[in-house]
Amino acid sequence: MDEVPRMQPPVDDMPSVSVAVLQLDPDLPLPRYTHLGDAGADLYAAATAEIPPGGRAVVPTGVAIELPPGYVGLIHPRSGLAAKLGVTVLNAPGTVDAGYRGEIMVILVNHDPASVAHITRGDRIAQLVVQRVERAEFHRVEVLGETARGAGRHGSTGGHAGLLG
């Protein structure tokens, strides 16, 4: 029987796009990927925040970016913060448009029912995913094409046995 490889080879030939970064806080690292092949580059807290249960905080990252036209920056939560503290990005994914030149701010929410979440300056608080985007041309129609799903709304495709009983 052939042995199944346990690790994928490093991905070092991924396509890339040049993104200019204005480092507003020179003591923090620029956005960076932790591992080869990662989709999201880590963003760091430029300030300390105490987020009460059910509360939220707008946390600066100490960076502003210049995305080329046709690209968007999407701010995604970090799974470790969500799993360990109940903290996630409130408007996930947050959108950084190519024309925005201000500091990237991350809106964090604490879903833990009892514990205050302590965010320390320098903590990795979110991930920035840079993607190419298409510009849609919207046009009015009288009828939409038919599909198997049709107009089925939230939960119409099933998949959650716990909701049935």
N, C-alpha and C. Protein backbone atom coordinates (compact mmCIF):
# COMPACT_ATOMS: atom_id res chain seq x y z
N MET A 1 0.84 -1.18 0.00
CA MET A 1 0.00 0.00 0.00
C MET A 1 0.89 1.24 0.00
N ASP A 2 0.56 2.22 -0.85
CA ASP A 2 1.34 3.45 -0.93
C ASP A 2 1.09 4.32 0.30
N GLU A 3 2.16 4.95 0.78
CA GLU A 3 2.02 5.85 1.93
C GLU A 3 1.45 7.18 1.46
N VAL A 4 0.51 7.68 2.21
CA VAL A 4 -0.11 8.97 1.90
C VAL A 4 0.77 10.07 2.49
N PRO A 5 1.17 11.06 1.66
CA PRO A 5 2.00 12.14 2.21
C PRO A 5 1.22 12.93 3.25
N ARG A 6 1.87 13.28 4.35
CA ARG A 6 1.20 13.97 5.45
C ARG A 6 1.24 15.49 5.31
N MET A 7 2.17 16.00 4.53
CA MET A 7 2.26 17.46 4.37
C MET A 7 2.31 17.81 2.89
N GLN A 8 1.67 18.89 2.55
CA GLN A 8 1.75 19.41 1.20
C GLN A 8 3.07 20.14 1.04
N PRO A 9 3.65 20.14 -0.16
CA PRO A 9 4.88 20.91 -0.35
C PRO A 9 4.59 22.40 -0.20
N PRO A 10 5.59 23.18 0.21
CA PRO A 10 5.37 24.62 0.35
C PRO A 10 4.89 25.24 -0.96
N VAL A 11 4.02 26.20 -0.83
CA VAL A 11 3.51 26.91 -2.00
C VAL A 11 4.29 28.22 -2.10
N ASP A 12 5.22 28.28 -3.03
CA ASP A 12 6.02 29.49 -3.16
C ASP A 12 5.84 30.17 -4.51
N ASP A 13 4.95 29.64 -5.32
CA ASP A 13 4.74 30.24 -6.63
C ASP A 13 3.32 30.76 -6.79
N MET A 14 2.68 31.13 -5.67
CA MET A 14 1.33 31.68 -5.73
C MET A 14 1.36 33.03 -6.44
N PRO A 15 0.32 33.34 -7.21
CA PRO A 15 0.26 34.67 -7.82
C PRO A 15 0.22 35.74 -6.72
N SER A 16 0.79 36.88 -7.00
CA SER A 16 0.79 37.95 -6.01
C SER A 16 0.46 39.28 -6.67
N VAL A 17 0.06 40.22 -5.84
CA VAL A 17 -0.23 41.58 -6.28
C VAL A 17 0.49 42.52 -5.32
N SER A 18 1.05 43.59 -5.84
CA SER A 18 1.77 44.55 -5.02
C SER A 18 0.78 45.45 -4.30
N VAL A 19 0.91 45.54 -2.97
CA VAL A 19 0.03 46.39 -2.16
C VAL A 19 0.92 47.33 -1.35
N ALA A 20 0.76 48.63 -1.58
CA ALA A 20 1.50 49.64 -0.82
C ALA A 20 0.90 49.74 0.57
N VAL A 21 1.78 49.81 1.59
CA VAL A 21 1.34 49.89 2.98
C VAL A 21 1.94 51.14 3.62
N LEU A 22 1.08 51.99 4.18
CA LEU A 22 1.52 53.13 4.97
C LEU A 22 1.54 52.66 6.41
N GLN A 23 2.74 52.58 7.00
CA GLN A 23 2.89 52.08 8.36
C GLN A 23 2.68 53.24 9.33
N LEU A 24 1.48 53.33 9.89
CA LEU A 24 1.13 54.42 10.79
C LEU A 24 1.70 54.20 12.19
N ASP A 25 2.00 52.96 12.52
CA ASP A 25 2.58 52.60 13.81
C ASP A 25 3.85 51.80 13.54
N PRO A 26 5.02 52.44 13.60
CA PRO A 26 6.26 51.76 13.23
C PRO A 26 6.68 50.63 14.16
N ASP A 27 6.03 50.52 15.32
CA ASP A 27 6.39 49.45 16.26
C ASP A 27 5.64 48.15 16.00
N LEU A 28 4.68 48.18 15.06
CA LEU A 28 3.92 46.97 14.73
C LEU A 28 4.39 46.43 13.38
N PRO A 29 4.28 45.12 13.18
CA PRO A 29 4.66 44.57 11.87
C PRO A 29 3.65 44.95 10.79
N LEU A 30 4.12 44.94 9.56
CA LEU A 30 3.22 45.09 8.43
C LEU A 30 2.35 43.84 8.36
N PRO A 31 1.20 43.91 7.66
CA PRO A 31 0.43 42.68 7.47
C PRO A 31 1.34 41.60 6.88
N ARG A 32 1.22 40.37 7.40
CA ARG A 32 2.08 39.31 6.88
C ARG A 32 1.41 37.96 7.03
N TYR A 33 1.82 37.07 6.13
CA TYR A 33 1.32 35.71 6.13
C TYR A 33 2.16 34.89 7.10
N THR A 34 1.51 34.06 7.91
CA THR A 34 2.22 33.23 8.87
C THR A 34 2.88 32.04 8.18
N HIS A 35 2.17 31.43 7.24
CA HIS A 35 2.68 30.24 6.57
C HIS A 35 2.57 30.40 5.06
N LEU A 36 3.46 29.74 4.33
CA LEU A 36 3.35 29.71 2.88
C LEU A 36 1.99 29.15 2.50
N GLY A 37 1.34 29.75 1.54
CA GLY A 37 0.04 29.27 1.09
C GLY A 37 -1.14 29.84 1.85
N ASP A 38 -0.92 30.61 2.94
CA ASP A 38 -2.03 31.21 3.67
C ASP A 38 -2.78 32.20 2.80
N ALA A 39 -4.08 32.24 2.94
CA ALA A 39 -4.90 33.19 2.20
C ALA A 39 -4.95 34.55 2.89
N GLY A 40 -4.89 34.55 4.21
CA GLY A 40 -5.04 35.79 4.97
C GLY A 40 -3.73 36.23 5.60
N ALA A 41 -3.47 37.53 5.51
CA ALA A 41 -2.30 38.14 6.17
C ALA A 41 -2.76 38.70 7.51
N ASP A 42 -2.00 38.46 8.56
CA ASP A 42 -2.38 38.90 9.89
C ASP A 42 -2.37 40.42 10.02
N LEU A 43 -3.38 40.93 10.71
CA LEU A 43 -3.46 42.34 11.11
C LEU A 43 -3.32 42.38 12.63
N TYR A 44 -2.66 43.42 13.14
CA TYR A 44 -2.30 43.51 14.55
C TYR A 44 -3.03 44.68 15.22
N ALA A 45 -3.34 44.51 16.50
CA ALA A 45 -3.98 45.57 17.27
C ALA A 45 -2.97 46.67 17.57
N ALA A 46 -3.32 47.90 17.24
CA ALA A 46 -2.46 49.04 17.53
C ALA A 46 -2.81 49.66 18.88
N ALA A 47 -3.84 49.14 19.53
CA ALA A 47 -4.27 49.66 20.83
C ALA A 47 -4.84 48.51 21.65
N THR A 48 -4.82 48.69 22.95
CA THR A 48 -5.43 47.72 23.86
C THR A 48 -6.93 47.97 23.90
N ALA A 49 -7.69 46.89 24.02
CA ALA A 49 -9.15 47.02 24.11
C ALA A 49 -9.69 46.02 25.12
N GLU A 50 -10.64 46.46 25.90
CA GLU A 50 -11.37 45.60 26.83
C GLU A 50 -12.79 45.52 26.29
N ILE A 51 -13.21 44.32 25.88
CA ILE A 51 -14.53 44.16 25.27
C ILE A 51 -15.41 43.37 26.23
N PRO A 52 -16.43 44.02 26.79
CA PRO A 52 -17.30 43.32 27.74
C PRO A 52 -18.16 42.27 27.04
N PRO A 53 -18.73 41.33 27.80
CA PRO A 53 -19.62 40.35 27.20
C PRO A 53 -20.72 41.04 26.38
N GLY A 54 -20.87 40.62 25.14
CA GLY A 54 -21.87 41.24 24.26
C GLY A 54 -21.45 42.59 23.70
N GLY A 55 -20.29 43.08 24.09
CA GLY A 55 -19.84 44.40 23.64
C GLY A 55 -18.99 44.32 22.39
N ARG A 56 -18.64 45.49 21.90
CA ARG A 56 -17.81 45.57 20.70
C ARG A 56 -16.81 46.70 20.85
N ALA A 57 -15.77 46.64 20.02
CA ALA A 57 -14.74 47.67 20.02
C ALA A 57 -14.22 47.84 18.61
N VAL A 58 -13.92 49.09 18.25
CA VAL A 58 -13.29 49.38 16.98
C VAL A 58 -11.79 49.52 17.27
N VAL A 59 -11.01 48.59 16.72
CA VAL A 59 -9.59 48.49 17.07
C VAL A 59 -8.74 48.91 15.86
N PRO A 60 -7.86 49.90 16.06
CA PRO A 60 -6.98 50.31 14.96
C PRO A 60 -5.90 49.27 14.71
N THR A 61 -5.39 49.23 13.48
CA THR A 61 -4.34 48.27 13.12
C THR A 61 -2.98 48.91 12.87
N GLY A 62 -2.94 50.24 12.80
CA GLY A 62 -1.66 50.90 12.57
C GLY A 62 -1.19 50.87 11.13
N VAL A 63 -2.08 50.44 10.19
CA VAL A 63 -1.71 50.43 8.78
C VAL A 63 -2.85 50.97 7.91
N ALA A 64 -2.45 51.57 6.81
CA ALA A 64 -3.36 51.95 5.73
C ALA A 64 -2.76 51.34 4.47
N ILE A 65 -3.62 50.95 3.53
CA ILE A 65 -3.12 50.29 2.32
C ILE A 65 -3.64 50.96 1.06
N GLU A 66 -2.93 50.73 -0.02
CA GLU A 66 -3.34 51.20 -1.34
C GLU A 66 -3.47 49.98 -2.24
N LEU A 67 -4.72 49.55 -2.39
CA LEU A 67 -4.98 48.41 -3.27
C LEU A 67 -5.10 48.89 -4.71
N PRO A 68 -4.63 48.11 -5.67
CA PRO A 68 -4.80 48.51 -7.06
C PRO A 68 -6.27 48.41 -7.46
N PRO A 69 -6.69 49.17 -8.47
CA PRO A 69 -8.06 49.06 -8.96
C PRO A 69 -8.35 47.60 -9.35
N GLY A 70 -9.57 47.16 -9.06
CA GLY A 70 -9.96 45.80 -9.37
C GLY A 70 -9.68 44.81 -8.25
N TYR A 71 -9.25 45.32 -7.08
CA TYR A 71 -8.99 44.46 -5.93
C TYR A 71 -9.76 44.97 -4.72
N VAL A 72 -9.99 44.08 -3.76
CA VAL A 72 -10.65 44.42 -2.51
C VAL A 72 -9.88 43.74 -1.38
N GLY A 73 -9.86 44.36 -0.22
CA GLY A 73 -9.33 43.73 0.98
C GLY A 73 -10.50 43.29 1.84
N LEU A 74 -10.52 42.02 2.22
CA LEU A 74 -11.60 41.50 3.06
C LEU A 74 -11.02 41.17 4.43
N ILE A 75 -11.65 41.70 5.47
CA ILE A 75 -11.19 41.50 6.84
C ILE A 75 -11.95 40.32 7.43
N HIS A 76 -11.22 39.23 7.68
CA HIS A 76 -11.81 38.00 8.20
C HIS A 76 -11.42 37.81 9.67
N PRO A 77 -12.27 37.10 10.42
CA PRO A 77 -11.94 36.80 11.82
C PRO A 77 -10.78 35.82 11.91
N ARG A 78 -10.17 35.76 13.08
CA ARG A 78 -9.15 34.75 13.39
C ARG A 78 -9.85 33.64 14.17
N SER A 79 -9.69 32.42 13.73
CA SER A 79 -10.40 31.31 14.37
C SER A 79 -9.98 31.12 15.83
N GLY A 80 -8.73 31.39 16.16
CA GLY A 80 -8.27 31.24 17.54
C GLY A 80 -8.98 32.19 18.49
N LEU A 81 -9.17 33.45 18.07
CA LEU A 81 -9.90 34.40 18.91
C LEU A 81 -11.34 33.96 19.11
N ALA A 82 -11.94 33.45 18.06
CA ALA A 82 -13.34 33.01 18.15
C ALA A 82 -13.46 31.80 19.07
N ALA A 83 -12.59 30.81 18.89
CA ALA A 83 -12.68 29.58 19.67
C ALA A 83 -12.31 29.79 21.13
N LYS A 84 -11.29 30.59 21.40
CA LYS A 84 -10.79 30.73 22.77
C LYS A 84 -11.47 31.83 23.56
N LEU A 85 -11.83 32.94 22.89
CA LEU A 85 -12.41 34.08 23.61
C LEU A 85 -13.85 34.41 23.21
N GLY A 86 -14.34 33.82 22.13
CA GLY A 86 -15.66 34.19 21.65
C GLY A 86 -15.66 35.51 20.90
N VAL A 87 -14.48 35.96 20.45
CA VAL A 87 -14.34 37.24 19.77
C VAL A 87 -14.23 37.02 18.27
N THR A 88 -14.98 37.80 17.51
CA THR A 88 -14.95 37.69 16.06
C THR A 88 -15.10 39.09 15.45
N VAL A 89 -14.98 39.16 14.15
CA VAL A 89 -15.17 40.43 13.43
C VAL A 89 -16.67 40.60 13.22
N LEU A 90 -17.22 41.70 13.72
CA LEU A 90 -18.66 41.91 13.72
C LEU A 90 -19.26 41.95 12.32
N ASN A 91 -18.63 42.66 11.41
CA ASN A 91 -19.17 42.80 10.06
C ASN A 91 -18.43 41.92 9.06
N ALA A 92 -18.10 40.70 9.50
CA ALA A 92 -17.26 39.81 8.68
C ALA A 92 -17.95 39.38 7.40
N PRO A 93 -17.24 39.41 6.29
CA PRO A 93 -15.94 40.06 6.21
C PRO A 93 -16.11 41.57 6.04
N GLY A 94 -15.25 42.31 6.71
CA GLY A 94 -15.21 43.75 6.50
C GLY A 94 -14.62 44.03 5.12
N THR A 95 -15.00 45.14 4.54
CA THR A 95 -14.55 45.46 3.18
C THR A 95 -13.63 46.68 3.18
N VAL A 96 -12.46 46.53 2.57
CA VAL A 96 -11.56 47.65 2.33
C VAL A 96 -11.55 47.85 0.82
N ASP A 97 -12.22 48.90 0.36
CA ASP A 97 -12.29 49.20 -1.07
C ASP A 97 -10.96 49.73 -1.58
N ALA A 98 -10.72 49.56 -2.87
CA ALA A 98 -9.46 49.99 -3.47
C ALA A 98 -9.23 51.48 -3.32
N GLY A 99 -10.27 52.28 -3.24
CA GLY A 99 -10.12 53.73 -3.12
C GLY A 99 -9.94 54.23 -1.69
N TYR A 100 -10.08 53.36 -0.69
CA TYR A 100 -9.95 53.77 0.71
C TYR A 100 -8.48 53.93 1.09
N ARG A 101 -8.14 55.04 1.73
CA ARG A 101 -6.75 55.30 2.10
C ARG A 101 -6.57 55.53 3.60
N GLY A 102 -7.61 55.35 4.40
CA GLY A 102 -7.49 55.55 5.84
C GLY A 102 -6.97 54.31 6.54
N GLU A 103 -6.75 54.45 7.85
CA GLU A 103 -6.28 53.33 8.65
C GLU A 103 -7.32 52.21 8.66
N ILE A 104 -6.85 51.00 8.54
CA ILE A 104 -7.75 49.86 8.63
C ILE A 104 -8.14 49.69 10.10
N MET A 105 -9.44 49.71 10.34
CA MET A 105 -10.00 49.53 11.68
C MET A 105 -10.78 48.22 11.67
N VAL A 106 -10.70 47.47 12.75
CA VAL A 106 -11.38 46.18 12.83
C VAL A 106 -12.43 46.26 13.93
N ILE A 107 -13.68 45.95 13.58
CA ILE A 107 -14.77 45.96 14.55
C ILE A 107 -14.87 44.56 15.15
N LEU A 108 -14.48 44.45 16.42
CA LEU A 108 -14.52 43.17 17.11
C LEU A 108 -15.74 43.12 18.03
N VAL A 109 -16.32 41.95 18.16
CA VAL A 109 -17.45 41.74 19.06
C VAL A 109 -17.14 40.54 19.95
N ASN A 110 -17.52 40.66 21.22
CA ASN A 110 -17.31 39.59 22.19
C ASN A 110 -18.62 38.85 22.39
N HIS A 111 -18.70 37.63 21.88
CA HIS A 111 -19.91 36.82 22.02
C HIS A 111 -19.92 36.00 23.30
N ASP A 112 -18.85 36.05 24.08
CA ASP A 112 -18.83 35.29 25.33
C ASP A 112 -19.88 35.89 26.27
N PRO A 113 -20.70 35.04 26.91
CA PRO A 113 -21.77 35.56 27.76
C PRO A 113 -21.30 36.08 29.11
N ALA A 114 -20.06 35.76 29.53
CA ALA A 114 -19.65 36.12 30.88
C ALA A 114 -18.29 36.82 30.99
N SER A 115 -17.36 36.54 30.11
CA SER A 115 -15.98 37.03 30.28
C SER A 115 -15.68 38.25 29.42
N VAL A 116 -14.94 39.18 30.02
CA VAL A 116 -14.41 40.32 29.28
C VAL A 116 -13.27 39.81 28.40
N ALA A 117 -13.22 40.24 27.15
CA ALA A 117 -12.13 39.88 26.25
C ALA A 117 -11.06 40.97 26.33
N HIS A 118 -9.85 40.56 26.59
CA HIS A 118 -8.72 41.50 26.70
C HIS A 118 -7.90 41.41 25.42
N ILE A 119 -7.90 42.48 24.65
CA ILE A 119 -7.08 42.58 23.44
C ILE A 119 -5.89 43.46 23.78
N THR A 120 -4.71 42.96 23.55
CA THR A 120 -3.48 43.67 23.88
C THR A 120 -2.84 44.20 22.61
N ARG A 121 -2.27 45.37 22.72
CA ARG A 121 -1.52 45.94 21.59
C ARG A 121 -0.54 44.91 21.07
N GLY A 122 -0.54 44.70 19.76
CA GLY A 122 0.34 43.73 19.14
C GLY A 122 -0.30 42.37 18.91
N ASP A 123 -1.49 42.13 19.50
CA ASP A 123 -2.20 40.87 19.25
C ASP A 123 -2.63 40.79 17.79
N ARG A 124 -2.60 39.59 17.23
CA ARG A 124 -3.16 39.38 15.90
C ARG A 124 -4.68 39.32 16.06
N ILE A 125 -5.39 40.24 15.41
CA ILE A 125 -6.83 40.36 15.65
C ILE A 125 -7.70 40.00 14.46
N ALA A 126 -7.13 39.95 13.28
CA ALA A 126 -7.93 39.67 12.08
C ALA A 126 -6.98 39.28 10.96
N GLN A 127 -7.56 38.85 9.85
CA GLN A 127 -6.78 38.50 8.67
C GLN A 127 -7.27 39.32 7.48
N LEU A 128 -6.34 39.79 6.69
CA LEU A 128 -6.64 40.55 5.48
C LEU A 128 -6.46 39.63 4.27
N VAL A 129 -7.55 39.40 3.56
CA VAL A 129 -7.51 38.62 2.33
C VAL A 129 -7.68 39.59 1.17
N VAL A 130 -6.73 39.61 0.25
CA VAL A 130 -6.79 40.49 -0.92
C VAL A 130 -7.27 39.66 -2.10
N GLN A 131 -8.34 40.13 -2.74
CA GLN A 131 -8.92 39.39 -3.86
C GLN A 131 -9.22 40.32 -5.03
N ARG A 132 -9.14 39.72 -6.20
CA ARG A 132 -9.57 40.41 -7.42
C ARG A 132 -11.10 40.41 -7.43
N VAL A 133 -11.69 41.49 -7.90
CA VAL A 133 -13.15 41.57 -7.96
C VAL A 133 -13.61 41.99 -9.35
N GLU A 134 -14.80 41.58 -9.68
CA GLU A 134 -15.44 41.99 -10.93
C GLU A 134 -16.44 43.09 -10.62
N ARG A 135 -16.62 44.00 -11.53
CA ARG A 135 -17.63 45.05 -11.38
C ARG A 135 -18.89 44.59 -12.10
N ALA A 136 -19.99 44.49 -11.36
CA ALA A 136 -21.25 44.02 -11.93
C ALA A 136 -21.95 45.15 -12.68
N GLU A 137 -22.63 44.78 -13.73
CA GLU A 137 -23.51 45.70 -14.44
C GLU A 137 -24.94 45.23 -14.18
N PHE A 138 -25.66 45.99 -13.36
CA PHE A 138 -27.01 45.60 -12.96
C PHE A 138 -28.01 46.09 -14.01
N HIS A 139 -28.98 45.24 -14.33
CA HIS A 139 -30.02 45.64 -15.27
C HIS A 139 -31.35 45.02 -14.86
N ARG A 140 -32.39 45.77 -15.04
CA ARG A 140 -33.73 45.36 -14.64
C ARG A 140 -34.28 44.31 -15.61
N VAL A 141 -34.96 43.29 -15.05
CA VAL A 141 -35.65 42.28 -15.85
C VAL A 141 -37.05 42.09 -15.28
N GLU A 142 -37.92 41.46 -16.03
CA GLU A 142 -39.27 41.18 -15.56
C GLU A 142 -39.35 39.83 -14.85
N VAL A 143 -38.49 38.88 -15.23
CA VAL A 143 -38.50 37.54 -14.66
C VAL A 143 -37.07 37.04 -14.56
N LEU A 144 -36.77 36.31 -13.48
CA LEU A 144 -35.46 35.69 -13.32
C LEU A 144 -35.51 34.25 -13.83
N GLY A 145 -34.38 33.73 -14.26
CA GLY A 145 -34.31 32.35 -14.74
C GLY A 145 -34.63 31.36 -13.64
N GLU A 146 -35.14 30.19 -14.03
CA GLU A 146 -35.51 29.14 -13.08
C GLU A 146 -34.26 28.38 -12.60
N THR A 147 -34.29 27.94 -11.33
CA THR A 147 -33.24 27.08 -10.77
C THR A 147 -33.91 26.02 -9.91
N ALA A 148 -33.15 25.00 -9.53
CA ALA A 148 -33.69 23.96 -8.65
C ALA A 148 -34.07 24.54 -7.29
N ARG A 149 -33.32 25.51 -6.79
CA ARG A 149 -33.60 26.11 -5.49
C ARG A 149 -34.76 27.09 -5.56
N GLY A 150 -34.85 27.81 -6.65
CA GLY A 150 -35.92 28.81 -6.77
C GLY A 150 -35.77 29.91 -5.74
N ALA A 151 -36.87 30.27 -5.08
CA ALA A 151 -36.87 31.36 -4.10
C ALA A 151 -36.75 30.84 -2.67
N GLY A 152 -36.25 29.60 -2.49
CA GLY A 152 -36.09 29.04 -1.15
C GLY A 152 -35.20 29.92 -0.30
N ARG A 153 -35.68 30.24 0.89
CA ARG A 153 -34.96 31.17 1.76
C ARG A 153 -34.04 30.46 2.75
N HIS A 154 -33.67 31.17 3.79
CA HIS A 154 -32.74 30.68 4.81
C HIS A 154 -33.19 29.33 5.34
N GLY A 155 -32.30 28.35 5.27
CA GLY A 155 -32.58 27.02 5.79
C GLY A 155 -33.37 26.13 4.86
N SER A 156 -33.71 26.63 3.67
CA SER A 156 -34.57 25.85 2.77
C SER A 156 -33.89 24.61 2.21
N THR A 157 -32.56 24.56 2.27
CA THR A 157 -31.87 23.38 1.74
C THR A 157 -31.59 22.35 2.83
N GLY A 158 -32.03 22.60 4.06
CA GLY A 158 -31.86 21.64 5.14
C GLY A 158 -30.44 21.56 5.64
N GLY A 159 -30.07 20.36 6.14
CA GLY A 159 -28.71 20.15 6.59
C GLY A 159 -28.48 20.34 8.08
N HIS A 160 -29.52 20.68 8.84
CA HIS A 160 -29.36 20.90 10.28
C HIS A 160 -30.41 20.09 11.03
N ALA A 161 -30.04 18.85 11.37
CA ALA A 161 -30.99 17.94 12.04
C ALA A 161 -31.53 18.53 13.33
N GLY A 162 -30.73 19.33 14.01
CA GLY A 162 -31.15 19.94 15.29
C GLY A 162 -32.30 20.91 15.15
N LEU A 163 -32.55 21.39 13.94
CA LEU A 163 -33.64 22.34 13.73
C LEU A 163 -34.97 21.65 13.49
N LEU A 164 -34.95 20.34 13.30
CA LEU A 164 -36.16 19.61 12.92
C LEU A 164 -37.03 19.23 14.11
N GLY A 165 -36.50 19.16 15.29
CA GLY A 165 -37.32 18.62 16.34
C GLY A 165 -37.41 19.46 17.51
